[in-house]
Amino acid sequence: MVELFYLPFYLGLLILISPFVGYYMAFILNAKLLPLEKWIYQFIFSGSPSTQTPKQYLSSLFVFHTMAGGILFLILKFQEHFTLNPLHLLGMDWDLALNTTISFITNTNWQAYSGESQLSYFSQMVGLTPQNFLSAGVGISVLAFVSRAIISSKTNRFGNFWLDLFRSTFYILLPLSFFVSILLVGQGVIQSFSGPIQSLGFDGVLETIPMGPAASQIAIKQIGTNGGGFFGVNSAHPFENPTPISNFIQMFSILFLPASCVFLYGKITNSFRHVWVIFFVMLSFLILGFVGVYFSEQNHFGFWEGKELRFSLTESSLWLTTTTAASNGSVNSMHDSYSPLAGGIAIFQMMLGEIIFGGVGTGMYGMFLFLILTVFLSGLMTGRTPEYLGKKIGSYEIKWTLFGILSPTVCILLGSTVTVLLESGYSAKGPHALSQILYAFSSAAGNNGSAFAGFSADTLWGNLSLGFSMLVGRFSVIYAVVIVAGSLGGKVTTKAFDGNFKLDTILFGVLLFSVILIVCGLSFFPVLALGPILEQILISKGIFF
């Protein structure tokens, strides 16, 4: 009976809370300088921060990531020289350190390592956790920049990167993370600086039980749609996720800030009805994904290996759906253990570009590219001049839109092809091996971070190829979005009239849904047919891999 109401309660709470949080975020990001900010910027900039052009905004963003990435790489490579290292762990190999650095600065949190056995407390707290905040803050900042550009007219300055990042981090992410951390500690999630505990097991063998400051990292890993676990098995570990209540808190934390970003966009652009259409398109994809996963798991042979029995089928299926719909990547069960159809749904959701709510900020600005494409195609079909919120769309905007949509797609397909040729990383055979590879590159290019458990990524090719995919998946989309929005912001905003294509109707929602499905379907259906679809057919005939 509880399972019957679990999904409606989850979605109802999401719909109820998201608009209010989104409006708060819009207020914070567009507010005048607060007293503390005035003092900080007087010290740093000798006055108020100046507004930036798209290229200046991008330059600040890339400089910031280069500096942050360099610091994180040094911490990971030389962690044996820092404090809070009770196991006296050595630094990572250079390729793994580089992969992990790229992973965390791009908000991917792909983990080719096991946290409790390869990283010190210092590396987790001082190296990784700040990037969980800052990478999420960058996503919010870019969305705020895009939102301001859309409502501007004949100007090319739409905000300051450093101010946006400061506000996103200190007024949005930090308070929410502190609140969720307290809730998680109350449910039994550990937060300790003590070293590992030695315990004698039932079989008489001495076992090492890892400890550490987990709750503080877990809160921001979910709120910031990061997903990197303190422990190797992530939120399937009882120290990270001990109870059904902690499970709900974490699962709700994955989506509620990305969902709120839809209303942040609506508040700044003053397009409330339009963003409700976007919200329900995202929600439709999420519900369809959950239904497919749930019934695939319920109607087959009982794929229980790799799943936590303390969580129900509904809880595990909904987590898989939400974590691959968002660019989160945390798991409360091993995705490699699901039926091929369920695993295929998870892969396809990431292949969509992480726009089913997606990451914090990134989901909505990724959807922005599909909005531009949908309006353009609708204009071609109806003979109207394509316009989006009063801005005429030309060939320049469409070229960059396609660049942002197709760049991650190229990484997924080419990376998977080369990996098959090199026979690198995968442990299975037949179509399931292809599914493992597709999942890895979809996760990397979509900045998700989860993986099929059988895929071994800690090789030179795996670390470098997946790291490159993460960079392209993150920064090609950011670059395209900022350039397109900046170009539109420099144009005159035209007044709406009866002949304009309506963006706040069910028809537009259906068109948007269809364009997303068709674009991604044409790109990926052939390779999905050779992987999870073929495996599902073969399993129904009793052939397993």
Protein backbone atom coordinates (compact mmCIF):
# COMPACT_ATOMS: atom_id res chain seq x y z
CA MET A 1 0.00 0.00 0.00
CA VAL A 2 2.87 2.38 0.82
CA GLU A 3 4.46 1.69 -2.57
CA LEU A 4 1.21 2.66 -4.30
CA PHE A 5 1.45 6.24 -2.99
CA TYR A 6 5.26 6.59 -3.10
CA LEU A 7 5.56 8.02 -6.61
CA PRO A 8 2.54 10.39 -6.37
CA PHE A 9 3.84 11.74 -3.04
CA TYR A 10 7.34 12.20 -4.44
CA LEU A 11 6.14 14.01 -7.57
CA GLY A 12 3.52 16.01 -5.69
CA LEU A 13 6.15 17.33 -3.29
CA LEU A 14 8.40 18.16 -6.22
CA ILE A 15 5.65 20.15 -7.97
CA LEU A 16 4.71 21.93 -4.74
CA ILE A 17 8.17 23.04 -3.62
CA SER A 18 10.02 23.70 -6.89
CA PRO A 19 8.32 26.99 -7.89
CA PHE A 20 8.99 28.63 -4.52
CA VAL A 21 12.66 27.59 -4.49
CA GLY A 22 13.03 28.73 -8.11
CA TYR A 23 11.60 32.16 -7.32
CA TYR A 24 13.95 32.47 -4.34
CA MET A 25 16.92 31.61 -6.55
CA ALA A 26 15.86 34.21 -9.12
CA PHE A 27 15.54 36.85 -6.41
CA ILE A 28 19.00 36.07 -5.01
CA LEU A 29 20.74 36.04 -8.39
CA ASN A 30 19.19 39.32 -9.57
CA ALA A 31 19.31 41.21 -6.24
CA LYS A 32 21.31 44.38 -5.70
CA LEU A 33 24.65 44.04 -3.96
CA LEU A 34 24.23 43.04 -0.32
CA PRO A 35 26.41 44.62 2.42
CA LEU A 36 28.76 41.62 2.65
CA GLU A 37 29.11 41.53 -1.12
CA LYS A 38 29.89 45.24 -1.26
CA TRP A 39 32.77 44.76 1.16
CA ILE A 40 34.12 41.71 -0.72
CA TYR A 41 33.95 43.33 -4.13
CA GLN A 42 35.34 46.61 -2.86
CA PHE A 43 38.35 44.60 -1.70
CA ILE A 44 38.68 42.46 -4.85
CA PHE A 45 37.49 44.73 -7.66
CA SER A 46 37.81 48.17 -6.01
CA GLY A 47 34.10 48.69 -6.55
CA SER A 48 31.03 46.96 -7.91
CA PRO A 49 31.66 44.02 -10.27
CA SER A 50 31.20 45.00 -13.90
CA THR A 51 28.75 43.19 -16.13
CA GLN A 52 30.34 40.93 -18.74
CA THR A 53 29.85 40.09 -22.37
CA PRO A 54 29.37 36.41 -23.32
CA LYS A 55 33.06 36.00 -24.20
CA GLN A 56 34.17 37.70 -20.96
CA TYR A 57 31.80 35.50 -18.97
CA LEU A 58 33.18 32.39 -20.66
CA SER A 59 36.76 33.55 -20.12
CA SER A 60 36.14 33.98 -16.38
CA LEU A 61 34.48 30.56 -16.25
CA PHE A 62 37.38 28.80 -18.00
CA VAL A 63 40.02 30.60 -15.89
CA PHE A 64 38.19 29.56 -12.73
CA HIS A 65 37.98 25.91 -13.78
CA THR A 66 41.64 25.82 -14.80
CA MET A 67 42.74 27.14 -11.41
CA ALA A 68 40.35 24.91 -9.44
CA GLY A 69 41.32 21.87 -11.49
CA GLY A 70 45.02 22.48 -10.96
CA ILE A 71 44.61 22.66 -7.18
CA LEU A 72 42.48 19.51 -7.06
CA PHE A 73 44.93 17.56 -9.24
CA LEU A 74 47.82 18.40 -6.90
CA ILE A 75 45.81 17.34 -3.82
CA LEU A 76 44.94 13.98 -5.37
CA LYS A 77 48.41 13.32 -6.77
CA PHE A 78 50.25 14.17 -3.53
CA GLN A 79 47.68 13.30 -0.87
CA GLU A 80 50.22 11.40 1.23
CA HIS A 81 51.80 14.75 2.17
CA PHE A 82 48.59 16.16 3.66
CA THR A 83 46.89 15.65 7.01
CA LEU A 84 43.71 13.67 7.81
CA ASN A 85 45.03 10.50 6.21
CA PRO A 86 44.56 7.80 8.87
CA LEU A 87 45.25 4.94 6.42
CA HIS A 88 48.41 6.66 5.09
CA LEU A 89 47.17 6.36 1.53
CA LEU A 90 49.47 7.28 -1.35
CA GLY A 91 48.55 9.70 -4.10
CA MET A 92 46.74 8.63 -7.25
CA ASP A 93 48.48 7.79 -10.50
CA TRP A 94 48.57 10.82 -12.80
CA ASP A 95 45.95 9.52 -15.24
CA LEU A 96 43.49 8.59 -12.48
CA ALA A 97 44.12 11.92 -10.72
CA LEU A 98 43.48 13.75 -14.00
CA ASN A 99 40.30 11.77 -14.67
CA THR A 100 39.02 12.43 -11.14
CA THR A 101 39.88 16.13 -11.38
CA ILE A 102 38.01 16.52 -14.66
CA SER A 103 35.17 14.48 -13.22
CA PHE A 104 34.60 16.79 -10.27
CA ILE A 105 35.13 20.16 -11.96
CA THR A 106 32.60 19.17 -14.65
CA ASN A 107 29.98 18.08 -12.09
CA THR A 108 30.23 14.51 -13.40
CA ASN A 109 31.72 12.79 -10.34
CA TRP A 110 32.66 9.71 -12.31
CA GLN A 111 34.55 7.46 -9.93
CA ALA A 112 37.18 5.10 -11.30
CA TYR A 113 38.33 4.66 -7.69
CA SER A 114 36.85 3.50 -4.38
CA GLY A 115 36.62 6.39 -1.96
CA GLU A 116 37.19 4.59 1.35
CA SER A 117 40.32 2.76 0.13
CA GLN A 118 41.99 5.29 -2.19
CA LEU A 119 41.23 8.75 -0.84
CA SER A 120 42.10 10.37 2.48
CA TYR A 121 39.64 12.44 4.49
CA PHE A 122 41.59 15.53 3.41
CA SER A 123 41.25 14.69 -0.28
CA GLN A 124 37.52 14.08 0.11
CA MET A 125 36.82 17.16 2.24
CA VAL A 126 39.24 19.78 0.90
CA GLY A 127 39.68 18.45 -2.62
CA LEU A 128 36.38 16.98 -3.77
CA THR A 129 33.66 18.56 -1.63
CA PRO A 130 34.39 22.20 -2.61
CA GLN A 131 34.13 21.17 -6.26
CA ASN A 132 30.72 19.68 -5.53
CA PHE A 133 29.59 23.17 -4.50
CA LEU A 134 31.43 25.12 -7.16
CA SER A 135 30.60 22.96 -10.18
CA ALA A 136 26.91 23.12 -9.24
CA GLY A 137 27.25 26.87 -8.67
CA VAL A 138 28.65 27.28 -12.18
CA GLY A 139 25.59 25.51 -13.62
CA ILE A 140 23.25 27.91 -11.80
CA SER A 141 25.38 30.88 -12.87
CA VAL A 142 25.27 29.98 -16.56
CA LEU A 143 21.49 29.52 -16.41
CA ALA A 144 21.12 32.95 -14.78
CA PHE A 145 23.27 34.49 -17.53
CA VAL A 146 21.18 32.82 -20.25
CA SER A 147 17.93 33.91 -18.61
CA ARG A 148 19.03 37.55 -18.43
CA ALA A 149 20.20 37.49 -22.05
CA ILE A 150 16.84 36.28 -23.33
CA ILE A 151 14.95 39.23 -21.83
CA SER A 152 17.56 41.82 -22.82
CA SER A 153 17.31 43.92 -25.95
CA LYS A 154 20.18 45.33 -28.01
CA THR A 155 22.84 44.81 -25.37
CA ASN A 156 25.67 42.31 -24.87
CA ARG A 157 26.23 42.40 -21.09
CA PHE A 158 24.18 40.08 -18.92
CA GLY A 159 25.85 39.61 -15.53
CA ASN A 160 29.12 38.91 -13.77
CA PHE A 161 30.41 35.33 -13.44
CA TRP A 162 32.11 35.84 -10.08
CA LEU A 163 29.07 37.43 -8.49
CA ASP A 164 26.75 34.75 -9.85
CA LEU A 165 29.05 31.98 -8.60
CA PHE A 166 29.36 33.56 -5.15
CA ARG A 167 25.60 33.92 -4.76
CA SER A 168 24.82 30.45 -6.11
CA THR A 169 27.25 28.87 -3.69
CA PHE A 170 26.76 30.85 -0.48
CA TYR A 171 23.06 31.77 -0.62
CA ILE A 172 21.63 28.66 -2.29
CA LEU A 173 23.82 25.56 -2.10
CA LEU A 174 25.46 26.03 1.31
CA PRO A 175 22.27 26.60 3.36
CA LEU A 176 20.47 23.71 1.67
CA SER A 177 23.44 21.38 2.16
CA PHE A 178 23.74 22.26 5.84
CA PHE A 179 20.03 21.55 6.37
CA VAL A 180 20.14 18.21 4.50
CA SER A 181 23.34 17.19 6.32
CA ILE A 182 21.59 17.59 9.67
CA LEU A 183 18.66 15.49 8.44
CA LEU A 184 21.00 12.75 7.23
CA VAL A 185 22.99 12.66 10.47
CA GLY A 186 19.67 12.29 12.28
CA GLN A 187 19.00 9.18 10.19
CA GLY A 188 22.35 7.62 11.06
CA VAL A 189 24.61 8.72 8.21
CA ILE A 190 28.11 8.88 9.68
CA GLN A 191 30.05 12.13 10.19
CA SER A 192 33.29 11.30 11.95
CA PHE A 193 37.01 12.01 11.79
CA SER A 194 37.99 8.81 13.55
CA GLY A 195 40.00 6.19 11.69
CA PRO A 196 38.67 2.83 10.49
CA ILE A 197 37.36 0.41 13.11
CA GLN A 198 38.75 -3.11 13.41
CA SER A 199 36.08 -5.72 14.09
CA LEU A 200 36.08 -9.49 14.35
CA GLY A 201 33.55 -10.92 11.90
CA PHE A 202 31.26 -13.94 12.37
CA ASP A 203 33.74 -16.06 10.43
CA GLY A 204 36.55 -15.14 12.81
CA VAL A 205 38.32 -12.92 10.27
CA LEU A 206 39.40 -9.41 11.31
CA GLU A 207 37.52 -6.84 9.23
CA THR A 208 38.14 -3.13 8.68
CA ILE A 209 35.06 -0.93 8.87
CA PRO A 210 35.65 2.43 7.15
CA MET A 211 34.58 5.68 8.79
CA GLY A 212 34.78 9.34 7.80
CA PRO A 213 32.96 12.68 7.41
CA ALA A 214 30.37 11.33 4.99
CA ALA A 215 27.13 13.23 5.70
CA SER A 216 28.54 16.65 4.75
CA GLN A 217 29.67 15.34 1.36
CA ILE A 218 26.54 13.29 0.71
CA ALA A 219 24.26 16.31 1.15
CA ILE A 220 25.95 18.37 -1.55
CA LYS A 221 26.53 15.34 -3.79
CA GLN A 222 22.72 15.04 -4.05
CA ILE A 223 21.67 18.70 -3.91
CA GLY A 224 24.31 19.73 -6.45
CA THR A 225 23.53 16.72 -8.72
CA ASN A 226 27.12 15.59 -8.33
CA GLY A 227 26.63 11.96 -7.28
CA GLY A 228 30.13 11.02 -6.13
CA GLY A 229 29.89 8.73 -3.11
CA PHE A 230 32.08 8.85 -0.03
CA PHE A 231 32.19 5.05 -0.22
CA GLY A 232 32.76 2.94 -3.31
CA VAL A 233 29.22 1.57 -3.54
CA ASN A 234 27.74 5.04 -3.06
CA SER A 235 24.25 5.32 -1.53
CA ALA A 236 23.88 1.54 -1.46
CA HIS A 237 26.29 1.64 1.52
CA PRO A 238 24.47 1.54 4.89
CA PHE A 239 26.75 4.29 6.26
CA GLU A 240 25.70 6.60 3.43
CA ASN A 241 22.06 5.64 3.22
CA PRO A 242 20.89 3.62 6.25
CA THR A 243 17.08 4.00 6.27
CA PRO A 244 14.08 4.42 3.93
CA ILE A 245 13.76 7.99 5.24
CA SER A 246 17.39 8.84 4.39
CA ASN A 247 16.74 7.22 1.01
CA PHE A 248 13.76 9.51 0.36
CA ILE A 249 15.65 12.61 1.53
CA GLN A 250 18.54 11.87 -0.81
CA MET A 251 16.34 10.89 -3.75
CA PHE A 252 14.25 14.05 -3.39
CA SER A 253 17.42 16.13 -3.09
CA ILE A 254 18.54 14.84 -6.48
CA LEU A 255 15.67 16.48 -8.39
CA PHE A 256 14.21 19.35 -6.45
CA LEU A 257 16.92 21.93 -7.25
CA PRO A 258 17.10 21.03 -10.98
CA ALA A 259 13.29 21.25 -11.07
CA SER A 260 13.48 24.60 -9.29
CA CYS A 261 15.87 25.87 -11.98
CA VAL A 262 13.02 25.60 -14.50
CA PHE A 263 11.11 28.19 -12.46
CA LEU A 264 14.25 30.27 -11.94
CA TYR A 265 14.32 30.58 -15.73
CA GLY A 266 10.60 31.37 -15.83
CA LYS A 267 10.85 34.03 -13.14
CA ILE A 268 13.74 35.91 -14.75
CA THR A 269 12.26 35.69 -18.27
CA ASN A 270 8.71 36.36 -17.02
CA SER A 271 7.39 33.33 -18.95
CA PHE A 272 5.49 31.42 -16.27
CA ARG A 273 3.08 29.46 -18.47
CA HIS A 274 5.88 28.59 -20.87
CA VAL A 275 8.06 27.05 -18.15
CA TRP A 276 5.15 25.01 -16.82
CA VAL A 277 4.98 23.41 -20.28
CA ILE A 278 8.72 22.71 -20.09
CA PHE A 279 8.33 21.31 -16.58
CA PHE A 280 5.62 18.86 -17.61
CA VAL A 281 7.57 17.74 -20.69
CA MET A 282 10.45 16.87 -18.36
CA LEU A 283 8.04 15.23 -15.93
CA SER A 284 6.50 13.15 -18.73
CA PHE A 285 9.90 11.73 -19.66
CA LEU A 286 10.59 10.97 -15.99
CA ILE A 287 7.28 9.15 -15.44
CA LEU A 288 7.61 7.14 -18.65
CA GLY A 289 11.13 6.14 -17.65
CA PHE A 290 10.01 5.03 -14.20
CA VAL A 291 7.09 3.01 -15.57
CA GLY A 292 9.39 1.25 -18.03
CA VAL A 293 11.98 0.41 -15.38
CA TYR A 294 9.44 -0.68 -12.75
CA PHE A 295 7.44 -3.04 -14.96
CA SER A 296 10.54 -4.44 -16.61
CA GLU A 297 11.91 -5.36 -13.18
CA GLN A 298 8.56 -6.62 -11.89
CA ASN A 299 7.73 -8.85 -14.85
CA HIS A 300 11.02 -10.62 -15.36
CA PHE A 301 13.11 -13.21 -13.61
CA GLY A 302 13.95 -11.34 -10.43
CA PHE A 303 17.17 -9.40 -10.94
CA TRP A 304 17.98 -9.09 -7.23
CA GLU A 305 21.76 -9.35 -7.34
CA GLY A 306 23.21 -5.92 -6.67
CA LYS A 307 20.07 -4.52 -5.01
CA GLU A 308 19.52 -3.56 -1.38
CA LEU A 309 16.69 -5.56 0.18
CA ARG A 310 16.05 -2.77 2.69
CA PHE A 311 14.69 -0.73 -0.24
CA SER A 312 11.59 -1.74 -2.18
CA LEU A 313 11.35 -2.22 -5.94
CA THR A 314 9.66 1.18 -6.20
CA GLU A 315 12.45 2.92 -4.29
CA SER A 316 15.21 1.29 -6.32
CA SER A 317 13.45 1.85 -9.67
CA LEU A 318 12.64 5.48 -8.89
CA TRP A 319 16.22 6.13 -7.80
CA LEU A 320 17.60 4.68 -11.05
CA THR A 321 15.17 6.84 -13.02
CA THR A 322 15.83 10.07 -11.13
CA THR A 323 19.61 9.72 -10.98
CA THR A 324 19.95 9.16 -14.75
CA ALA A 325 17.31 11.81 -15.53
CA ALA A 326 19.39 14.27 -13.51
CA SER A 327 23.15 14.47 -14.07
CA ASN A 328 23.62 12.95 -10.63
CA GLY A 329 25.07 9.47 -10.90
CA SER A 330 24.56 8.31 -7.32
CA VAL A 331 23.10 4.82 -6.86
CA ASN A 332 21.26 2.87 -4.18
CA SER A 333 21.56 -0.33 -6.25
CA MET A 334 23.92 -1.47 -8.97
CA HIS A 335 22.55 -0.51 -12.40
CA ASP A 336 24.41 -3.37 -14.05
CA SER A 337 22.08 -5.72 -12.14
CA TYR A 338 18.87 -4.44 -13.73
CA SER A 339 17.09 -6.04 -16.64
CA PRO A 340 18.43 -5.01 -20.09
CA LEU A 341 15.32 -2.91 -20.75
CA ALA A 342 15.69 -1.02 -17.47
CA GLY A 343 19.39 -0.50 -18.09
CA GLY A 344 18.60 0.66 -21.61
CA ILE A 345 16.16 3.25 -20.29
CA ALA A 346 18.85 4.57 -17.94
CA ILE A 347 21.29 4.81 -20.87
CA PHE A 348 18.76 6.56 -23.11
CA GLN A 349 17.88 9.11 -20.44
CA MET A 350 21.55 10.11 -20.28
CA MET A 351 21.78 10.12 -24.07
CA LEU A 352 19.02 12.74 -24.17
CA GLY A 353 21.63 15.17 -22.85
CA GLU A 354 20.56 15.09 -19.18
CA ILE A 355 17.60 17.40 -19.82
CA ILE A 356 14.91 15.48 -17.93
CA PHE A 357 15.41 18.07 -15.17
CA GLY A 358 19.11 17.31 -15.59
CA GLY A 359 21.80 18.86 -13.42
CA VAL A 360 21.49 22.00 -11.32
CA GLY A 361 21.21 24.72 -13.97
CA THR A 362 22.59 22.45 -16.68
CA GLY A 363 19.31 20.64 -17.28
CA MET A 364 17.44 23.84 -18.03
CA TYR A 365 20.12 25.45 -20.16
CA GLY A 366 20.51 22.15 -22.04
CA MET A 367 16.76 22.19 -22.62
CA PHE A 368 17.17 25.78 -23.89
CA LEU A 369 18.98 24.40 -26.95
CA PHE A 370 16.09 22.04 -27.68
CA LEU A 371 13.64 24.93 -27.24
CA ILE A 372 15.50 26.92 -29.89
CA LEU A 373 15.58 23.90 -32.22
CA THR A 374 11.87 23.17 -31.71
CA VAL A 375 10.86 26.78 -32.43
CA PHE A 376 13.07 26.82 -35.52
CA LEU A 377 11.61 23.58 -36.91
CA SER A 378 8.07 24.74 -36.10
CA GLY A 379 8.71 27.94 -38.01
CA LEU A 380 9.92 25.98 -41.03
CA MET A 381 6.83 23.75 -40.96
CA THR A 382 4.33 26.62 -40.65
CA GLY A 383 6.04 29.23 -42.82
CA ARG A 384 6.53 31.63 -39.89
CA THR A 385 9.72 33.46 -39.00
CA PRO A 386 11.04 31.47 -36.04
CA GLU A 387 11.00 33.52 -32.85
CA TYR A 388 11.66 32.59 -29.26
CA LEU A 389 10.31 34.97 -26.59
CA GLY A 390 10.37 37.82 -29.08
CA LYS A 391 13.84 37.04 -30.47
CA LYS A 392 14.25 36.12 -34.13
CA ILE A 393 16.28 32.94 -34.62
CA GLY A 394 18.77 32.91 -37.48
CA SER A 395 21.31 30.54 -38.97
CA TYR A 396 24.03 31.65 -36.53
CA GLU A 397 22.00 30.56 -33.49
CA ILE A 398 21.00 27.26 -35.13
CA LYS A 399 24.61 26.36 -35.98
CA TRP A 400 25.69 26.80 -32.36
CA THR A 401 22.55 25.04 -31.13
CA LEU A 402 23.37 21.97 -33.19
CA PHE A 403 26.99 22.15 -32.03
CA GLY A 404 25.84 22.04 -28.40
CA ILE A 405 23.41 19.16 -28.98
CA LEU A 406 25.63 17.00 -31.20
CA SER A 407 29.06 17.37 -29.54
CA PRO A 408 28.26 14.98 -26.63
CA THR A 409 26.60 12.61 -29.13
CA VAL A 410 29.83 12.36 -31.14
CA CYS A 411 31.80 11.60 -27.96
CA ILE A 412 29.42 8.78 -27.02
CA LEU A 413 29.46 7.09 -30.44
CA LEU A 414 33.15 7.54 -31.28
CA GLY A 415 34.32 6.72 -27.75
CA SER A 416 32.24 3.54 -27.69
CA THR A 417 33.50 2.49 -31.12
CA VAL A 418 37.17 2.87 -30.23
CA THR A 419 36.68 1.11 -26.88
CA VAL A 420 35.15 -1.89 -28.65
CA LEU A 421 38.09 -1.99 -31.05
CA LEU A 422 40.58 -1.78 -28.17
CA GLU A 423 38.62 -4.35 -26.12
CA SER A 424 39.14 -2.11 -23.08
CA GLY A 425 37.23 -1.94 -19.81
CA TYR A 426 34.23 -4.20 -20.31
CA SER A 427 33.94 -7.58 -18.61
CA ALA A 428 30.83 -9.06 -20.23
CA LYS A 429 30.30 -10.58 -23.66
CA GLY A 430 27.79 -10.04 -26.42
CA PRO A 431 25.26 -7.19 -26.30
CA HIS A 432 25.75 -6.63 -22.57
CA ALA A 433 29.37 -5.67 -23.18
CA LEU A 434 28.17 -3.00 -25.62
CA SER A 435 25.67 -1.80 -23.01
CA GLN A 436 28.48 -1.42 -20.46
CA ILE A 437 30.50 0.69 -22.90
CA LEU A 438 27.52 2.80 -24.01
CA TYR A 439 26.60 3.44 -20.41
CA ALA A 440 30.13 4.60 -19.55
CA PHE A 441 30.44 7.09 -22.41
CA SER A 442 26.82 8.30 -22.07
CA SER A 443 27.48 8.87 -18.38
CA ALA A 444 30.71 10.76 -19.08
CA ALA A 445 29.44 12.90 -21.98
CA GLY A 446 26.20 13.60 -20.10
CA ASN A 447 28.14 14.49 -16.92
CA ASN A 448 26.18 11.88 -15.00
CA GLY A 449 28.89 9.81 -13.33
CA SER A 450 27.21 6.46 -12.67
CA ALA A 451 28.38 3.28 -14.37
CA PHE A 452 27.52 -0.33 -14.98
CA ALA A 453 29.40 -2.21 -12.27
CA GLY A 454 31.19 -4.52 -14.69
CA PHE A 455 32.96 -1.70 -16.53
CA SER A 456 36.57 -1.21 -15.41
CA ALA A 457 37.50 2.39 -16.17
CA ASP A 458 40.86 2.72 -14.40
CA THR A 459 43.03 2.17 -17.46
CA LEU A 460 45.02 4.73 -19.40
CA TRP A 461 42.51 4.70 -22.28
CA GLY A 462 39.52 4.72 -19.94
CA ASN A 463 40.78 7.61 -17.82
CA LEU A 464 41.80 9.78 -20.78
CA SER A 465 38.90 9.03 -23.15
CA LEU A 466 36.22 9.38 -20.49
CA GLY A 467 37.91 12.51 -19.13
CA PHE A 468 37.87 14.05 -22.61
CA SER A 469 34.17 13.12 -22.98
CA MET A 470 33.38 14.82 -19.68
CA LEU A 471 35.11 18.02 -20.80
CA VAL A 472 33.29 18.07 -24.15
CA GLY A 473 29.96 17.18 -22.56
CA ARG A 474 30.24 20.02 -20.09
CA PHE A 475 31.97 22.87 -21.84
CA SER A 476 30.78 22.45 -25.43
CA VAL A 477 27.20 22.82 -24.19
CA ILE A 478 28.07 25.77 -21.93
CA TYR A 479 29.91 27.52 -24.77
CA ALA A 480 27.07 26.95 -27.24
CA VAL A 481 24.38 28.05 -24.79
CA VAL A 482 26.18 31.27 -23.80
CA ILE A 483 26.95 32.17 -27.44
CA VAL A 484 23.36 31.54 -28.58
CA ALA A 485 21.84 33.44 -25.64
CA GLY A 486 24.30 36.30 -26.07
CA SER A 487 23.45 36.56 -29.76
CA LEU A 488 19.73 36.65 -29.01
CA GLY A 489 20.26 39.22 -26.27
CA GLY A 490 21.87 41.56 -28.77
CA LYS A 491 18.73 41.56 -30.92
CA VAL A 492 15.66 43.75 -30.60
CA THR A 493 12.81 42.10 -28.72
CA THR A 494 9.68 42.16 -30.87
CA LYS A 495 6.19 42.43 -29.43
CA ALA A 496 4.00 39.36 -29.44
CA PHE A 497 0.97 39.29 -31.76
CA ASP A 498 -1.68 36.75 -32.70
CA GLY A 499 0.38 35.27 -35.53
CA ASN A 500 3.24 34.22 -33.24
CA PHE A 501 3.71 30.56 -32.46
CA LYS A 502 2.47 30.02 -28.90
CA LEU A 503 5.04 28.62 -26.48
CA ASP A 504 2.65 27.98 -23.60
CA THR A 505 0.31 25.42 -25.17
CA ILE A 506 -0.05 21.66 -25.08
CA LEU A 507 0.79 21.63 -28.80
CA PHE A 508 4.20 23.19 -28.14
CA GLY A 509 4.80 20.67 -25.34
CA VAL A 510 4.04 17.79 -27.72
CA LEU A 511 6.36 19.29 -30.37
CA LEU A 512 9.16 19.75 -27.85
CA PHE A 513 8.75 16.18 -26.58
CA SER A 514 8.77 14.88 -30.16
CA VAL A 515 11.84 16.83 -31.26
CA ILE A 516 13.84 15.58 -28.27
CA LEU A 517 12.74 12.01 -28.93
CA ILE A 518 13.37 12.13 -32.68
CA VAL A 519 16.77 13.83 -32.50
CA CYS A 520 18.09 11.44 -29.89
CA GLY A 521 16.29 8.44 -31.35
CA LEU A 522 17.84 8.93 -34.79
CA SER A 523 21.26 9.35 -33.20
CA PHE A 524 21.22 6.36 -30.89
CA PHE A 525 18.56 3.81 -31.85
CA PRO A 526 20.87 1.66 -34.06
CA VAL A 527 23.47 1.23 -31.32
CA LEU A 528 20.82 0.71 -28.63
CA ALA A 529 19.28 -2.00 -30.81
CA LEU A 530 22.60 -3.87 -30.77
CA GLY A 531 22.99 -3.46 -27.02
CA PRO A 532 20.16 -3.46 -24.43
CA ILE A 533 17.32 -4.10 -26.90
CA LEU A 534 18.98 -7.19 -28.39
CA GLU A 535 19.94 -8.42 -24.93
CA GLN A 536 16.34 -8.08 -23.73
CA ILE A 537 15.12 -10.15 -26.68
CA LEU A 538 17.74 -12.84 -26.06
CA ILE A 539 17.01 -13.01 -22.32
CA SER A 540 13.33 -13.59 -23.09
CA LYS A 541 14.53 -16.68 -24.98
CA GLY A 542 16.65 -17.83 -22.03
CA ILE A 543 20.03 -16.63 -23.34
CA PHE A 544 22.02 -14.75 -20.67
CA PHE A 545 25.32 -12.86 -20.76
